Each structure stands twice: as C-alpha cells, then as structure tokens.
Amino acid sequence: MSLKHMIAIAAGEDGDGQALGLASSLASQHDGVVEVLPIYPDSAADMIALGMTLGATMSPEAVEDLAAAERGLQARIEETARSAANQADVVFGPGEGAPRMSVLGRGLRPARALNRHTTLADLVVFGQGHLDSGLGGDVFAQCLLSNRAPVLVARHDADSLSGPAAIAWDGSPQAGRAVKAALPLLAMASEIHVVQCVNGLDRDATDPDIDSLNAYLKLHGVGEGASVLVEGEDEGAALVAAAQGKSATLLVAGAWGHSRLRQAIFGGATRAFLRCKTGPNLLLTH
C-alpha cells in the first residue's frame, strides 16, 4: 500500500500551497513522485482563436502581454512547488529517483493534459481553493466523473493525516473504490470510524455491511473501523457531522453514487462533503 505516482493540481492561485504541500509530504512518506499539473487557461491562444473567428487580429504587443502573464503564473507555480518540496525534503525538478516533485509544462489544454497524466496516477490532489474557481471546478469534475481518478481535496497540512479517519460506507461501488484508493492514507490514521446514515442506505441495491468492510481492511493490515450510525434528512450533512464529531481529519467517500437526475433535484451527499470547506481532508472516487 503506497502512493508512488501522484498528480498535484496548481493554478498559480489560492489552493496551490495546500495541494502541493500535502502531495510533497505524501511523496516523502511513500517514496513517490509528484507531477504538478498547471491548469491556468491559455489566454493567448484563446484570444487569437477569438480574433480569427471574428475576423480581427491581435497586436503582437497584446499577445506578448498575455504570454508574459502566463509565464508569471508558471513561475509562481514552480516557486510554490519548490518551496513545498524543500519543506518535505523531496528532490525538486525532473529526473530519475524518488521522492521527487516536478512541474509539468503548460503545453496542452487542462482537459487534455488531465486525460494524459491521470491514467496511471495513484492519486490526484486538489486544494480546496481550486474547487472555488470555474476552471478548477471543471477540472475536478472531469477528474472524478470522466477520468475516474481518486481525488484528495487538501484542506489541512500533511500532519493531519495521522489523525482519525472516517469512511462514509454505503456498500456502493463508488464507496468501495474510495476505500481501495484510500488504503495508504487509512494506514496512516490513528483510528478509523465507519459512518453510516441509516436514511440513505439502500440494502436492496448494495450491501452496506460493516463486517465485510472491516474484513477487507484487516486483510490489508489497516485494522478495523468502529461503527457510527446517524440519522438525518440531509444525508451528507449528517455524515460530515458524524465525522467531525469523531475529530476525523480524513473523510473517505464515494462521489455521486446516485443518478445525476436525482442529485440535480435533491442535491446529494457529495455536495454536502464539498460544501464543508473547513471539514476533513476529503478522498473521493466515482
């Protein structure tokens, strides 16, 4: 159980520090490699394409100004990544060997770059601040729903992962994938709690038996979780409250397990997990 290849998202904005700090610390602990993926938009290319569409042209000065702004964002990302790597005693820059952190060039549009680089990623790390921007939210949704990559939303520093962890367990395939992806993090936790909202369990469609989950965790040497049952009309809010009540610093959950139509009408647990910006670090899979 280890995290050998991680992708950390960076936009040159708020959220980078949390994501890169947590990712570099995990690389140090697991002797892994982190590739930092810039997701800022290619403004120059967009403006040139818009000008061609409208039959206008951009001045060379305007194109250079946009390119200079992008170079500034790339430099800011590299500076933040270098600082995070140094703090975690991780080698910074491309090359062989681990632990290591390097920053990818901004050559492809974020959606295409994400497709290419997440295929063999053990974990993709976002900062909470990334989810608050339009582009960051789009990249986050693509990562979970299209790429089916395990995502860690960093809300606290790396030391927090040695605290209690909570698993939102309903027996769904999404929750099962989340547990499997989270095994290296669960092994770091001081204790594990299995939180269930009795209102949200569908025993006809899934098997939410905690004994089965604990048997799986024990096979992987993680230990077993203590059952925490809650009730509430808002399933997600009840689960987050239960995790926080146990001082959990990590919440592991399946994302968007119900139909998108149902969640568009009624919301969903995933929305509540993401809305709790000061809650536990959040590991999600779809």
C-alpha atoms as a PDB file:
ATOM      1  CA  MET A   1       0.000   0.000   0.000  1.00  0.00           C
ATOM      2  CA  SER A   2       1.796   3.081  -1.218  1.00  0.00           C
ATOM      3  CA  LEU A   3       1.402   6.196  -3.298  1.00  0.00           C
ATOM      4  CA  LYS A   4       4.103   6.094  -5.958  1.00  0.00           C
ATOM      5  CA  HIS A   5       2.702   8.398  -8.649  1.00  0.00           C
ATOM      6  CA  MET A   6       0.633  11.430  -7.764  1.00  0.00           C
ATOM      7  CA  ILE A   7      -0.653  14.402  -9.719  1.00  0.00           C
ATOM      8  CA  ALA A   8      -0.992  17.707  -7.860  1.00  0.00           C
ATOM      9  CA  ILE A   9      -3.141  20.441  -9.396  1.00  0.00           C
ATOM     10  CA  ALA A  10      -1.855  24.026  -9.474  1.00  0.00           C
ATOM     11  CA  ALA A  11      -3.355  27.200 -10.906  1.00  0.00           C
ATOM     12  CA  GLY A  12      -0.987  29.882  -9.672  1.00  0.00           C
ATOM     13  CA  GLU A  13      -3.676  30.894  -7.168  1.00  0.00           C
ATOM     14  CA  ASP A  14      -5.051  30.062  -3.736  1.00  0.00           C
ATOM     15  CA  GLY A  15      -5.181  26.345  -3.164  1.00  0.00           C
ATOM     16  CA  ASP A  16      -1.758  25.570  -4.614  1.00  0.00           C
ATOM     17  CA  GLY A  17       0.002  25.697  -1.257  1.00  0.00           C
ATOM     18  CA  GLN A  18      -2.342  23.173   0.354  1.00  0.00           C
ATOM     19  CA  ALA A  19      -2.281  20.780  -2.595  1.00  0.00           C
ATOM     20  CA  LEU A  20       1.473  20.882  -3.203  1.00  0.00           C
ATOM     21  CA  GLY A  21       2.344  20.780   0.487  1.00  0.00           C
ATOM     22  CA  LEU A  22       0.232  17.697   1.122  1.00  0.00           C
ATOM     23  CA  ALA A  23       1.377  15.967  -2.071  1.00  0.00           C
ATOM     24  CA  SER A  24       5.076  16.557  -1.377  1.00  0.00           C
ATOM     25  CA  SER A  25       4.703  15.221   2.161  1.00  0.00           C
ATOM     26  CA  LEU A  26       2.997  12.081   0.855  1.00  0.00           C
ATOM     27  CA  ALA A  27       5.797  11.659  -1.701  1.00  0.00           C
ATOM     28  CA  SER A  28       8.318  11.829   1.124  1.00  0.00           C
ATOM     29  CA  GLN A  29       6.475   9.270   3.224  1.00  0.00           C
ATOM     30  CA  HIS A  30       5.803   6.847   0.354  1.00  0.00           C
ATOM     31  CA  ASP A  31       8.998   7.386  -1.659  1.00  0.00           C
ATOM     32  CA  GLY A  32       6.828   8.574  -4.511  1.00  0.00           C
ATOM     33  CA  VAL A  33       6.835  11.023  -7.392  1.00  0.00           C
ATOM     34  CA  VAL A  34       4.567  14.066  -7.748  1.00  0.00           C
ATOM     35  CA  GLU A  35       3.942  15.743 -11.090  1.00  0.00           C
ATOM     36  CA  VAL A  36       2.454  19.212 -10.698  1.00  0.00           C
ATOM     37  CA  LEU A  37      -0.128  19.869 -13.413  1.00  0.00           C
ATOM     38  CA  PRO A  38      -0.783  23.572 -14.227  1.00  0.00           C
ATOM     39  CA  ILE A  39      -4.417  24.266 -15.111  1.00  0.00           C
ATOM     40  CA  TYR A  40      -4.439  28.002 -15.844  1.00  0.00           C
ATOM     41  CA  PRO A  41      -6.102  28.848 -19.191  1.00  0.00           C
ATOM     42  CA  ASP A  42      -4.114  29.519 -22.362  1.00  0.00           C
ATOM     43  CA  SER A  43      -5.317  33.110 -22.723  1.00  0.00           C
ATOM     44  CA  ALA A  44      -3.155  33.963 -25.715  1.00  0.00           C
ATOM     45  CA  ALA A  45      -4.385  31.005 -27.747  1.00  0.00           C
ATOM     46  CA  ASP A  46      -7.993  31.727 -26.791  1.00  0.00           C
ATOM     47  CA  MET A  47      -7.734  35.378 -27.813  1.00  0.00           C
ATOM     48  CA  ILE A  48      -6.042  34.542 -31.100  1.00  0.00           C
ATOM     49  CA  ALA A  49      -8.759  31.974 -31.879  1.00  0.00           C
ATOM     50  CA  LEU A  50     -11.454  34.501 -30.984  1.00  0.00           C
ATOM     51  CA  GLY A  51      -9.830  37.111 -33.200  1.00  0.00           C
ATOM     52  CA  MET A  52      -9.702  34.704 -36.147  1.00  0.00           C
ATOM     53  CA  THR A  53     -13.359  33.800 -35.599  1.00  0.00           C
ATOM     54  CA  LEU A  54     -14.400  37.447 -35.575  1.00  0.00           C
ATOM     55  CA  GLY A  55     -12.135  38.333 -38.464  1.00  0.00           C
ATOM     56  CA  ALA A  56      -9.914  40.545 -36.328  1.00  0.00           C
ATOM     57  CA  THR A  57      -6.280  40.275 -35.374  1.00  0.00           C
ATOM     58  CA  MET A  58      -4.420  40.856 -32.117  1.00  0.00           C
ATOM     59  CA  SER A  59      -1.431  43.102 -31.955  1.00  0.00           C
ATOM     60  CA  PRO A  60       1.910  41.459 -31.187  1.00  0.00           C
ATOM     61  CA  GLU A  61       2.091  43.573 -28.045  1.00  0.00           C
ATOM     62  CA  ALA A  62      -1.225  42.214 -26.741  1.00  0.00           C
ATOM     63  CA  VAL A  63      -0.161  38.629 -27.441  1.00  0.00           C
ATOM     64  CA  GLU A  64       3.139  39.201 -25.639  1.00  0.00           C
ATOM     65  CA  ASP A  65       1.361  40.705 -22.632  1.00  0.00           C
ATOM     66  CA  LEU A  66      -0.813  37.605 -22.320  1.00  0.00           C
ATOM     67  CA  ALA A  67       2.176  35.313 -22.771  1.00  0.00           C
ATOM     68  CA  ALA A  68       4.062  37.244 -20.077  1.00  0.00           C
ATOM     69  CA  ALA A  69       1.134  36.832 -17.689  1.00  0.00           C
ATOM     70  CA  GLU A  70       1.158  33.079 -18.289  1.00  0.00           C
ATOM     71  CA  ARG A  71       4.898  32.910 -17.698  1.00  0.00           C
ATOM     72  CA  GLY A  72       4.285  34.685 -14.414  1.00  0.00           C
ATOM     73  CA  LEU A  73       1.699  32.070 -13.388  1.00  0.00           C
ATOM     74  CA  GLN A  74       4.040  29.239 -14.346  1.00  0.00           C
ATOM     75  CA  ALA A  75       6.873  30.828 -12.348  1.00  0.00           C
ATOM     76  CA  ARG A  76       4.590  31.251  -9.334  1.00  0.00           C
ATOM     77  CA  ILE A  77       3.603  27.576  -9.506  1.00  0.00           C
ATOM     78  CA  GLU A  78       7.239  26.496  -9.758  1.00  0.00           C
ATOM     79  CA  GLU A  79       8.171  28.662  -6.783  1.00  0.00           C
ATOM     80  CA  THR A  80       5.361  27.188  -4.657  1.00  0.00           C
ATOM     81  CA  ALA A  81       6.287  23.655  -5.717  1.00  0.00           C
ATOM     82  CA  ARG A  82       9.976  24.181  -4.966  1.00  0.00           C
ATOM     83  CA  SER A  83       9.120  25.508  -1.509  1.00  0.00           C
ATOM     84  CA  ALA A  84       6.808  22.549  -0.792  1.00  0.00           C
ATOM     85  CA  ALA A  85       9.423  20.047  -1.976  1.00  0.00           C
ATOM     86  CA  ASN A  86      12.170  21.626   0.115  1.00  0.00           C
ATOM     87  CA  GLN A  87       9.993  21.657   3.214  1.00  0.00           C
ATOM     88  CA  ALA A  88       9.242  17.942   2.810  1.00  0.00           C
ATOM     89  CA  ASP A  89      12.874  17.095   1.953  1.00  0.00           C
ATOM     90  CA  VAL A  90      11.847  15.990  -1.546  1.00  0.00           C
ATOM     91  CA  VAL A  91      14.031  16.479  -4.628  1.00  0.00           C
ATOM     92  CA  PHE A  92      12.655  19.208  -6.895  1.00  0.00           C
ATOM     93  CA  GLY A  93      12.889  19.027 -10.674  1.00  0.00           C
ATOM     94  CA  PRO A  94      12.633  16.404 -13.419  1.00  0.00           C
ATOM     95  CA  GLY A  95      14.791  13.313 -13.272  1.00  0.00           C
ATOM     96  CA  GLU A  96      15.062   9.779 -12.006  1.00  0.00           C
ATOM     97  CA  GLY A  97      14.587   8.599  -8.472  1.00  0.00           C
ATOM     98  CA  ALA A  98      12.182   9.331  -5.643  1.00  0.00           C
ATOM     99  CA  PRO A  99      10.909  11.071  -3.642  1.00  0.00           C
ATOM    100  CA  ARG A 100      10.644  13.808  -6.242  1.00  0.00           C
ATOM    101  CA  MET A 101       8.388  16.666  -7.312  1.00  0.00           C
ATOM    102  CA  SER A 102       8.454  18.301 -10.740  1.00  0.00           C
ATOM    103  CA  VAL A 103       6.286  20.822 -12.557  1.00  0.00           C
ATOM    104  CA  LEU A 104       4.885  19.924 -15.957  1.00  0.00           C
ATOM    105  CA  GLY A 105       4.976  22.442 -18.778  1.00  0.00           C
ATOM    106  CA  ARG A 106       1.748  24.149 -19.822  1.00  0.00           C
ATOM    107  CA  GLY A 107       1.627  22.677 -23.337  1.00  0.00           C
ATOM    108  CA  LEU A 108      -1.833  21.125 -23.520  1.00  0.00           C
ATOM    109  CA  ARG A 109      -5.204  22.478 -22.504  1.00  0.00           C
ATOM    110  CA  PRO A 110      -6.085  21.336 -18.960  1.00  0.00           C
ATOM    111  CA  ALA A 111      -8.726  18.808 -20.061  1.00  0.00           C
ATOM    112  CA  ARG A 112      -6.364  17.058 -22.482  1.00  0.00           C
ATOM    113  CA  ALA A 113      -3.438  17.200 -20.065  1.00  0.00           C
ATOM    114  CA  LEU A 114      -5.599  15.660 -17.348  1.00  0.00           C
ATOM    115  CA  ASN A 115      -6.581  12.784 -19.653  1.00  0.00           C
ATOM    116  CA  ARG A 116      -2.946  12.089 -20.423  1.00  0.00           C
ATOM    117  CA  HIS A 117      -1.439  12.337 -16.958  1.00  0.00           C
ATOM    118  CA  THR A 118      -4.079  10.796 -14.671  1.00  0.00           C
ATOM    119  CA  THR A 119      -4.277   7.439 -16.432  1.00  0.00           C
ATOM    120  CA  LEU A 120      -1.691   5.827 -14.142  1.00  0.00           C
ATOM    121  CA  ALA A 121      -1.948   8.206 -11.190  1.00  0.00           C
ATOM    122  CA  ASP A 122      -2.467   6.683  -7.751  1.00  0.00           C
ATOM    123  CA  LEU A 123      -3.960   9.943  -6.509  1.00  0.00           C
ATOM    124  CA  VAL A 124      -4.829  13.430  -7.782  1.00  0.00           C
ATOM    125  CA  VAL A 125      -4.500  16.186  -5.183  1.00  0.00           C
ATOM    126  CA  PHE A 126      -6.560  19.386  -5.336  1.00  0.00           C
ATOM    127  CA  GLY A 127      -6.521  22.299  -2.912  1.00  0.00           C
ATOM    128  CA  GLN A 128      -9.858  23.442  -1.518  1.00  0.00           C
ATOM    129  CA  GLY A 129      -9.319  26.790  -3.254  1.00  0.00           C
ATOM    130  CA  HIS A 130      -9.211  25.110  -6.665  1.00  0.00           C
ATOM    131  CA  LEU A 131     -12.812  23.967  -6.297  1.00  0.00           C
ATOM    132  CA  ASP A 132     -13.999  27.555  -5.867  1.00  0.00           C
ATOM    133  CA  SER A 133     -12.897  28.648  -9.354  1.00  0.00           C
ATOM    134  CA  GLY A 134     -14.756  27.852 -12.559  1.00  0.00           C
ATOM    135  CA  LEU A 135     -11.848  26.168 -14.323  1.00  0.00           C
ATOM    136  CA  GLY A 136     -10.742  24.333 -11.181  1.00  0.00           C
ATOM    137  CA  GLY A 137     -14.272  23.049 -10.598  1.00  0.00           C
ATOM    138  CA  ASP A 138     -14.489  21.819 -14.184  1.00  0.00           C
ATOM    139  CA  VAL A 139     -11.137  20.030 -13.911  1.00  0.00           C
ATOM    140  CA  PHE A 140     -12.219  18.489 -10.606  1.00  0.00           C
ATOM    141  CA  ALA A 141     -15.479  17.172 -12.115  1.00  0.00           C
ATOM    142  CA  GLN A 142     -13.650  15.780 -15.152  1.00  0.00           C
ATOM    143  CA  CYS A 143     -11.099  14.074 -12.941  1.00  0.00           C
ATOM    144  CA  LEU A 144     -13.788  12.323 -10.892  1.00  0.00           C
ATOM    145  CA  LEU A 145     -16.517  11.619 -13.437  1.00  0.00           C
ATOM    146  CA  SER A 146     -14.668  11.144 -16.738  1.00  0.00           C
ATOM    147  CA  ASN A 147     -11.200  10.012 -15.719  1.00  0.00           C
ATOM    148  CA  ARG A 148     -12.458   8.042 -12.677  1.00  0.00           C
ATOM    149  CA  ALA A 149      -9.305   9.020 -10.789  1.00  0.00           C
ATOM    150  CA  PRO A 150      -9.160   9.036  -6.986  1.00  0.00           C
ATOM    151  CA  VAL A 151      -9.115  12.635  -5.773  1.00  0.00           C
ATOM    152  CA  LEU A 152      -7.841  14.046  -2.491  1.00  0.00           C
ATOM    153  CA  VAL A 153      -9.116  17.513  -1.564  1.00  0.00           C
ATOM    154  CA  ALA A 154      -6.455  19.014   0.705  1.00  0.00           C
ATOM    155  CA  ARG A 155      -7.901  21.166   3.473  1.00  0.00           C
ATOM    156  CA  HIS A 156      -5.201  20.799   6.131  1.00  0.00           C
ATOM    157  CA  ASP A 157      -1.477  20.108   6.308  1.00  0.00           C
ATOM    158  CA  ALA A 158       0.065  16.658   5.976  1.00  0.00           C
ATOM    159  CA  ASP A 159       0.305  16.096   9.733  1.00  0.00           C
ATOM    160  CA  SER A 160      -3.482  15.957   9.847  1.00  0.00           C
ATOM    161  CA  LEU A 161      -3.458  12.608   8.043  1.00  0.00           C
ATOM    162  CA  SER A 162      -2.088  10.924  11.163  1.00  0.00           C
ATOM    163  CA  GLY A 163      -5.324  11.740  12.986  1.00  0.00           C
ATOM    164  CA  PRO A 164      -8.630   9.837  12.988  1.00  0.00           C
ATOM    165  CA  ALA A 165     -10.186   8.882   9.653  1.00  0.00           C
ATOM    166  CA  ALA A 166     -13.834   8.321   8.733  1.00  0.00           C
ATOM    167  CA  ILE A 167     -15.284   6.177   5.958  1.00  0.00           C
ATOM    168  CA  ALA A 168     -18.759   7.030   4.645  1.00  0.00           C
ATOM    169  CA  TRP A 169     -19.832   3.483   3.884  1.00  0.00           C
ATOM    170  CA  ASP A 170     -22.982   2.522   1.980  1.00  0.00           C
ATOM    171  CA  GLY A 171     -21.677  -0.547   0.154  1.00  0.00           C
ATOM    172  CA  SER A 172     -21.790   1.147  -3.266  1.00  0.00           C
ATOM    173  CA  PRO A 173     -19.172   0.557  -5.975  1.00  0.00           C
ATOM    174  CA  GLN A 174     -18.141   4.210  -5.611  1.00  0.00           C
ATOM    175  CA  ALA A 175     -17.542   3.800  -1.871  1.00  0.00           C
ATOM    176  CA  GLY A 176     -15.633   0.577  -2.498  1.00  0.00           C
ATOM    177  CA  ARG A 177     -13.326   2.283  -4.983  1.00  0.00           C
ATOM    178  CA  ALA A 178     -12.770   5.090  -2.492  1.00  0.00           C
ATOM    179  CA  VAL A 179     -11.740   2.658   0.246  1.00  0.00           C
ATOM    180  CA  LYS A 180      -9.329   0.849  -2.075  1.00  0.00           C
ATOM    181  CA  ALA A 181      -7.730   4.120  -3.178  1.00  0.00           C
ATOM    182  CA  ALA A 182      -7.535   5.344   0.423  1.00  0.00           C
ATOM    183  CA  LEU A 183      -5.747   2.315   1.896  1.00  0.00           C
ATOM    184  CA  PRO A 184      -2.342   4.072   2.097  1.00  0.00           C
ATOM    185  CA  LEU A 185      -3.966   7.012   3.891  1.00  0.00           C
ATOM    186  CA  LEU A 186      -6.085   4.831   6.167  1.00  0.00           C
ATOM    187  CA  ALA A 187      -2.909   3.006   7.208  1.00  0.00           C
ATOM    188  CA  MET A 188      -1.597   6.354   8.469  1.00  0.00           C
ATOM    189  CA  ALA A 189      -4.688   7.124  10.569  1.00  0.00           C
ATOM    190  CA  SER A 190      -4.672   6.841  14.361  1.00  0.00           C
ATOM    191  CA  GLU A 191      -8.143   5.271  14.277  1.00  0.00           C
ATOM    192  CA  ILE A 192     -10.922   4.587  11.788  1.00  0.00           C
ATOM    193  CA  HIS A 193     -14.654   5.246  12.103  1.00  0.00           C
ATOM    194  CA  VAL A 194     -17.256   3.879   9.687  1.00  0.00           C
ATOM    195  CA  VAL A 195     -20.089   6.399   9.447  1.00  0.00           C
ATOM    196  CA  GLN A 196     -23.464   5.466   8.029  1.00  0.00           C
ATOM    197  CA  CYS A 197     -26.670   7.450   7.664  1.00  0.00           C
ATOM    198  CA  VAL A 198     -29.472   4.933   8.106  1.00  0.00           C
ATOM    199  CA  ASN A 199     -31.809   7.082   5.971  1.00  0.00           C
ATOM    200  CA  GLY A 200     -29.501   6.767   2.978  1.00  0.00           C
ATOM    201  CA  LEU A 201     -28.763   3.025   2.963  1.00  0.00           C
ATOM    202  CA  ASP A 202     -30.270   1.004   0.108  1.00  0.00           C
ATOM    203  CA  ARG A 203     -29.962  -2.613   1.199  1.00  0.00           C
ATOM    204  CA  ASP A 204     -31.732  -3.852  -1.949  1.00  0.00           C
ATOM    205  CA  ALA A 205     -29.106  -2.373  -4.269  1.00  0.00           C
ATOM    206  CA  THR A 206     -25.936  -2.680  -2.170  1.00  0.00           C
ATOM    207  CA  ASP A 207     -24.502  -4.486   0.846  1.00  0.00           C
ATOM    208  CA  PRO A 208     -23.589  -1.860   3.455  1.00  0.00           C
ATOM    209  CA  ASP A 209     -22.452  -4.499   5.957  1.00  0.00           C
ATOM    210  CA  ILE A 210     -19.673  -3.071   8.120  1.00  0.00           C
ATOM    211  CA  ASP A 211     -18.302  -6.527   8.940  1.00  0.00           C
ATOM    212  CA  SER A 212     -17.465  -7.073   5.268  1.00  0.00           C
ATOM    213  CA  LEU A 213     -15.699  -3.720   5.094  1.00  0.00           C
ATOM    214  CA  ASN A 214     -13.719  -4.425   8.268  1.00  0.00           C
ATOM    215  CA  ALA A 215     -12.701  -7.854   6.995  1.00  0.00           C
ATOM    216  CA  TYR A 216     -11.295  -6.162   3.873  1.00  0.00           C
ATOM    217  CA  LEU A 217      -9.462  -3.530   5.912  1.00  0.00           C
ATOM    218  CA  LYS A 218      -7.949  -6.172   8.189  1.00  0.00           C
ATOM    219  CA  LEU A 219      -6.748  -8.207   5.197  1.00  0.00           C
ATOM    220  CA  HIS A 220      -4.773  -5.139   4.131  1.00  0.00           C
ATOM    221  CA  GLY A 221      -3.353  -4.603   7.571  1.00  0.00           C
ATOM    222  CA  VAL A 222      -5.234  -1.370   8.175  1.00  0.00           C
ATOM    223  CA  GLY A 223      -7.234  -2.545  11.168  1.00  0.00           C
ATOM    224  CA  GLU A 224     -10.957  -2.140  11.512  1.00  0.00           C
ATOM    225  CA  GLY A 225     -13.367   0.706  11.904  1.00  0.00           C
ATOM    226  CA  ALA A 226     -15.803   1.448  14.695  1.00  0.00           C
ATOM    227  CA  SER A 227     -19.435   1.794  13.604  1.00  0.00           C
ATOM    228  CA  VAL A 228     -21.091   5.212  13.867  1.00  0.00           C
ATOM    229  CA  LEU A 229     -24.786   5.298  12.899  1.00  0.00           C
ATOM    230  CA  VAL A 230     -26.593   8.604  12.361  1.00  0.00           C
ATOM    231  CA  GLU A 231     -29.933   9.810  11.055  1.00  0.00           C
ATOM    232  CA  GLY A 232     -30.852  12.936   9.142  1.00  0.00           C
ATOM    233  CA  GLU A 233     -32.836  14.171   6.176  1.00  0.00           C
ATOM    234  CA  ASP A 234     -29.648  15.669   4.733  1.00  0.00           C
ATOM    235  CA  GLU A 235     -27.517  12.534   4.415  1.00  0.00           C
ATOM    236  CA  GLY A 236     -24.317  14.330   3.502  1.00  0.00           C
ATOM    237  CA  ALA A 237     -24.556  16.862   6.311  1.00  0.00           C
ATOM    238  CA  ALA A 238     -25.255  14.083   8.810  1.00  0.00           C
ATOM    239  CA  LEU A 239     -22.217  12.108   7.650  1.00  0.00           C
ATOM    240  CA  VAL A 240     -19.922  15.145   7.791  1.00  0.00           C
ATOM    241  CA  ALA A 241     -21.192  15.998  11.276  1.00  0.00           C
ATOM    242  CA  ALA A 242     -20.559  12.424  12.395  1.00  0.00           C
ATOM    243  CA  ALA A 243     -17.002  12.520  11.028  1.00  0.00           C
ATOM    244  CA  GLN A 244     -16.322  15.858  12.684  1.00  0.00           C
ATOM    245  CA  GLY A 245     -17.808  14.544  15.923  1.00  0.00           C
ATOM    246  CA  LYS A 246     -15.055  11.916  15.922  1.00  0.00           C
ATOM    247  CA  SER A 247     -12.419  14.584  15.155  1.00  0.00           C
ATOM    248  CA  ALA A 248     -11.762  12.929  11.780  1.00  0.00           C
ATOM    249  CA  THR A 249      -9.115  14.667   9.695  1.00  0.00           C
ATOM    250  CA  LEU A 250      -9.844  12.492   6.633  1.00  0.00           C
ATOM    251  CA  LEU A 251     -13.227  11.539   5.176  1.00  0.00           C
ATOM    252  CA  VAL A 252     -13.273   8.757   2.565  1.00  0.00           C
ATOM    253  CA  ALA A 253     -16.401   8.540   0.402  1.00  0.00           C
ATOM    254  CA  GLY A 254     -17.836   7.561  -2.935  1.00  0.00           C
ATOM    255  CA  ALA A 255     -18.908  10.521  -5.075  1.00  0.00           C
ATOM    256  CA  TRP A 256     -22.146  10.900  -6.985  1.00  0.00           C
ATOM    257  CA  GLY A 257     -23.342   7.374  -6.339  1.00  0.00           C
ATOM    258  CA  HIS A 258     -26.972   8.168  -7.145  1.00  0.00           C
ATOM    259  CA  SER A 259     -28.293   9.177 -10.543  1.00  0.00           C
ATOM    260  CA  ARG A 260     -27.337  12.668 -11.717  1.00  0.00           C
ATOM    261  CA  LEU A 261     -31.061  13.477 -12.200  1.00  0.00           C
ATOM    262  CA  ARG A 262     -31.854  12.621  -8.590  1.00  0.00           C
ATOM    263  CA  GLN A 263     -28.957  14.707  -7.351  1.00  0.00           C
ATOM    264  CA  ALA A 264     -29.889  17.624  -9.604  1.00  0.00           C
ATOM    265  CA  ILE A 265     -33.313  17.652  -7.951  1.00  0.00           C
ATOM    266  CA  PHE A 266     -32.476  16.712  -4.379  1.00  0.00           C
ATOM    267  CA  GLY A 267     -28.807  17.620  -4.058  1.00  0.00           C
ATOM    268  CA  GLY A 268     -26.704  14.809  -2.669  1.00  0.00           C
ATOM    269  CA  ALA A 269     -24.191  13.747  -0.081  1.00  0.00           C
ATOM    270  CA  THR A 270     -21.276  14.691  -2.360  1.00  0.00           C
ATOM    271  CA  ARG A 271     -22.446  18.288  -2.494  1.00  0.00           C
ATOM    272  CA  ALA A 272     -22.508  18.438   1.301  1.00  0.00           C
ATOM    273  CA  PHE A 273     -18.999  16.940   1.504  1.00  0.00           C
ATOM    274  CA  LEU A 274     -17.634  19.582  -0.868  1.00  0.00           C
ATOM    275  CA  ARG A 275     -19.534  22.432   0.759  1.00  0.00           C
ATOM    276  CA  CYS A 276     -17.861  21.809   4.133  1.00  0.00           C
ATOM    277  CA  LYS A 277     -14.716  23.771   3.256  1.00  0.00           C
ATOM    278  CA  THR A 278     -13.202  23.613   6.742  1.00  0.00           C
ATOM    279  CA  GLY A 279     -14.044  19.948   7.280  1.00  0.00           C
ATOM    280  CA  PRO A 280     -11.751  16.931   6.992  1.00  0.00           C
ATOM    281  CA  ASN A 281      -9.436  16.293   4.074  1.00  0.00           C
ATOM    282  CA  LEU A 282     -11.647  14.553   1.546  1.00  0.00           C
ATOM    283  CA  LEU A 283     -10.852  11.492  -0.580  1.00  0.00           C
ATOM    284  CA  LEU A 284     -13.452  10.846  -3.275  1.00  0.00           C
ATOM    285  CA  THR A 285     -13.877   8.409  -6.146  1.00  0.00           C
ATOM    286  CA  HIS A 286     -16.715   7.845  -8.572  1.00  0.00           C
END
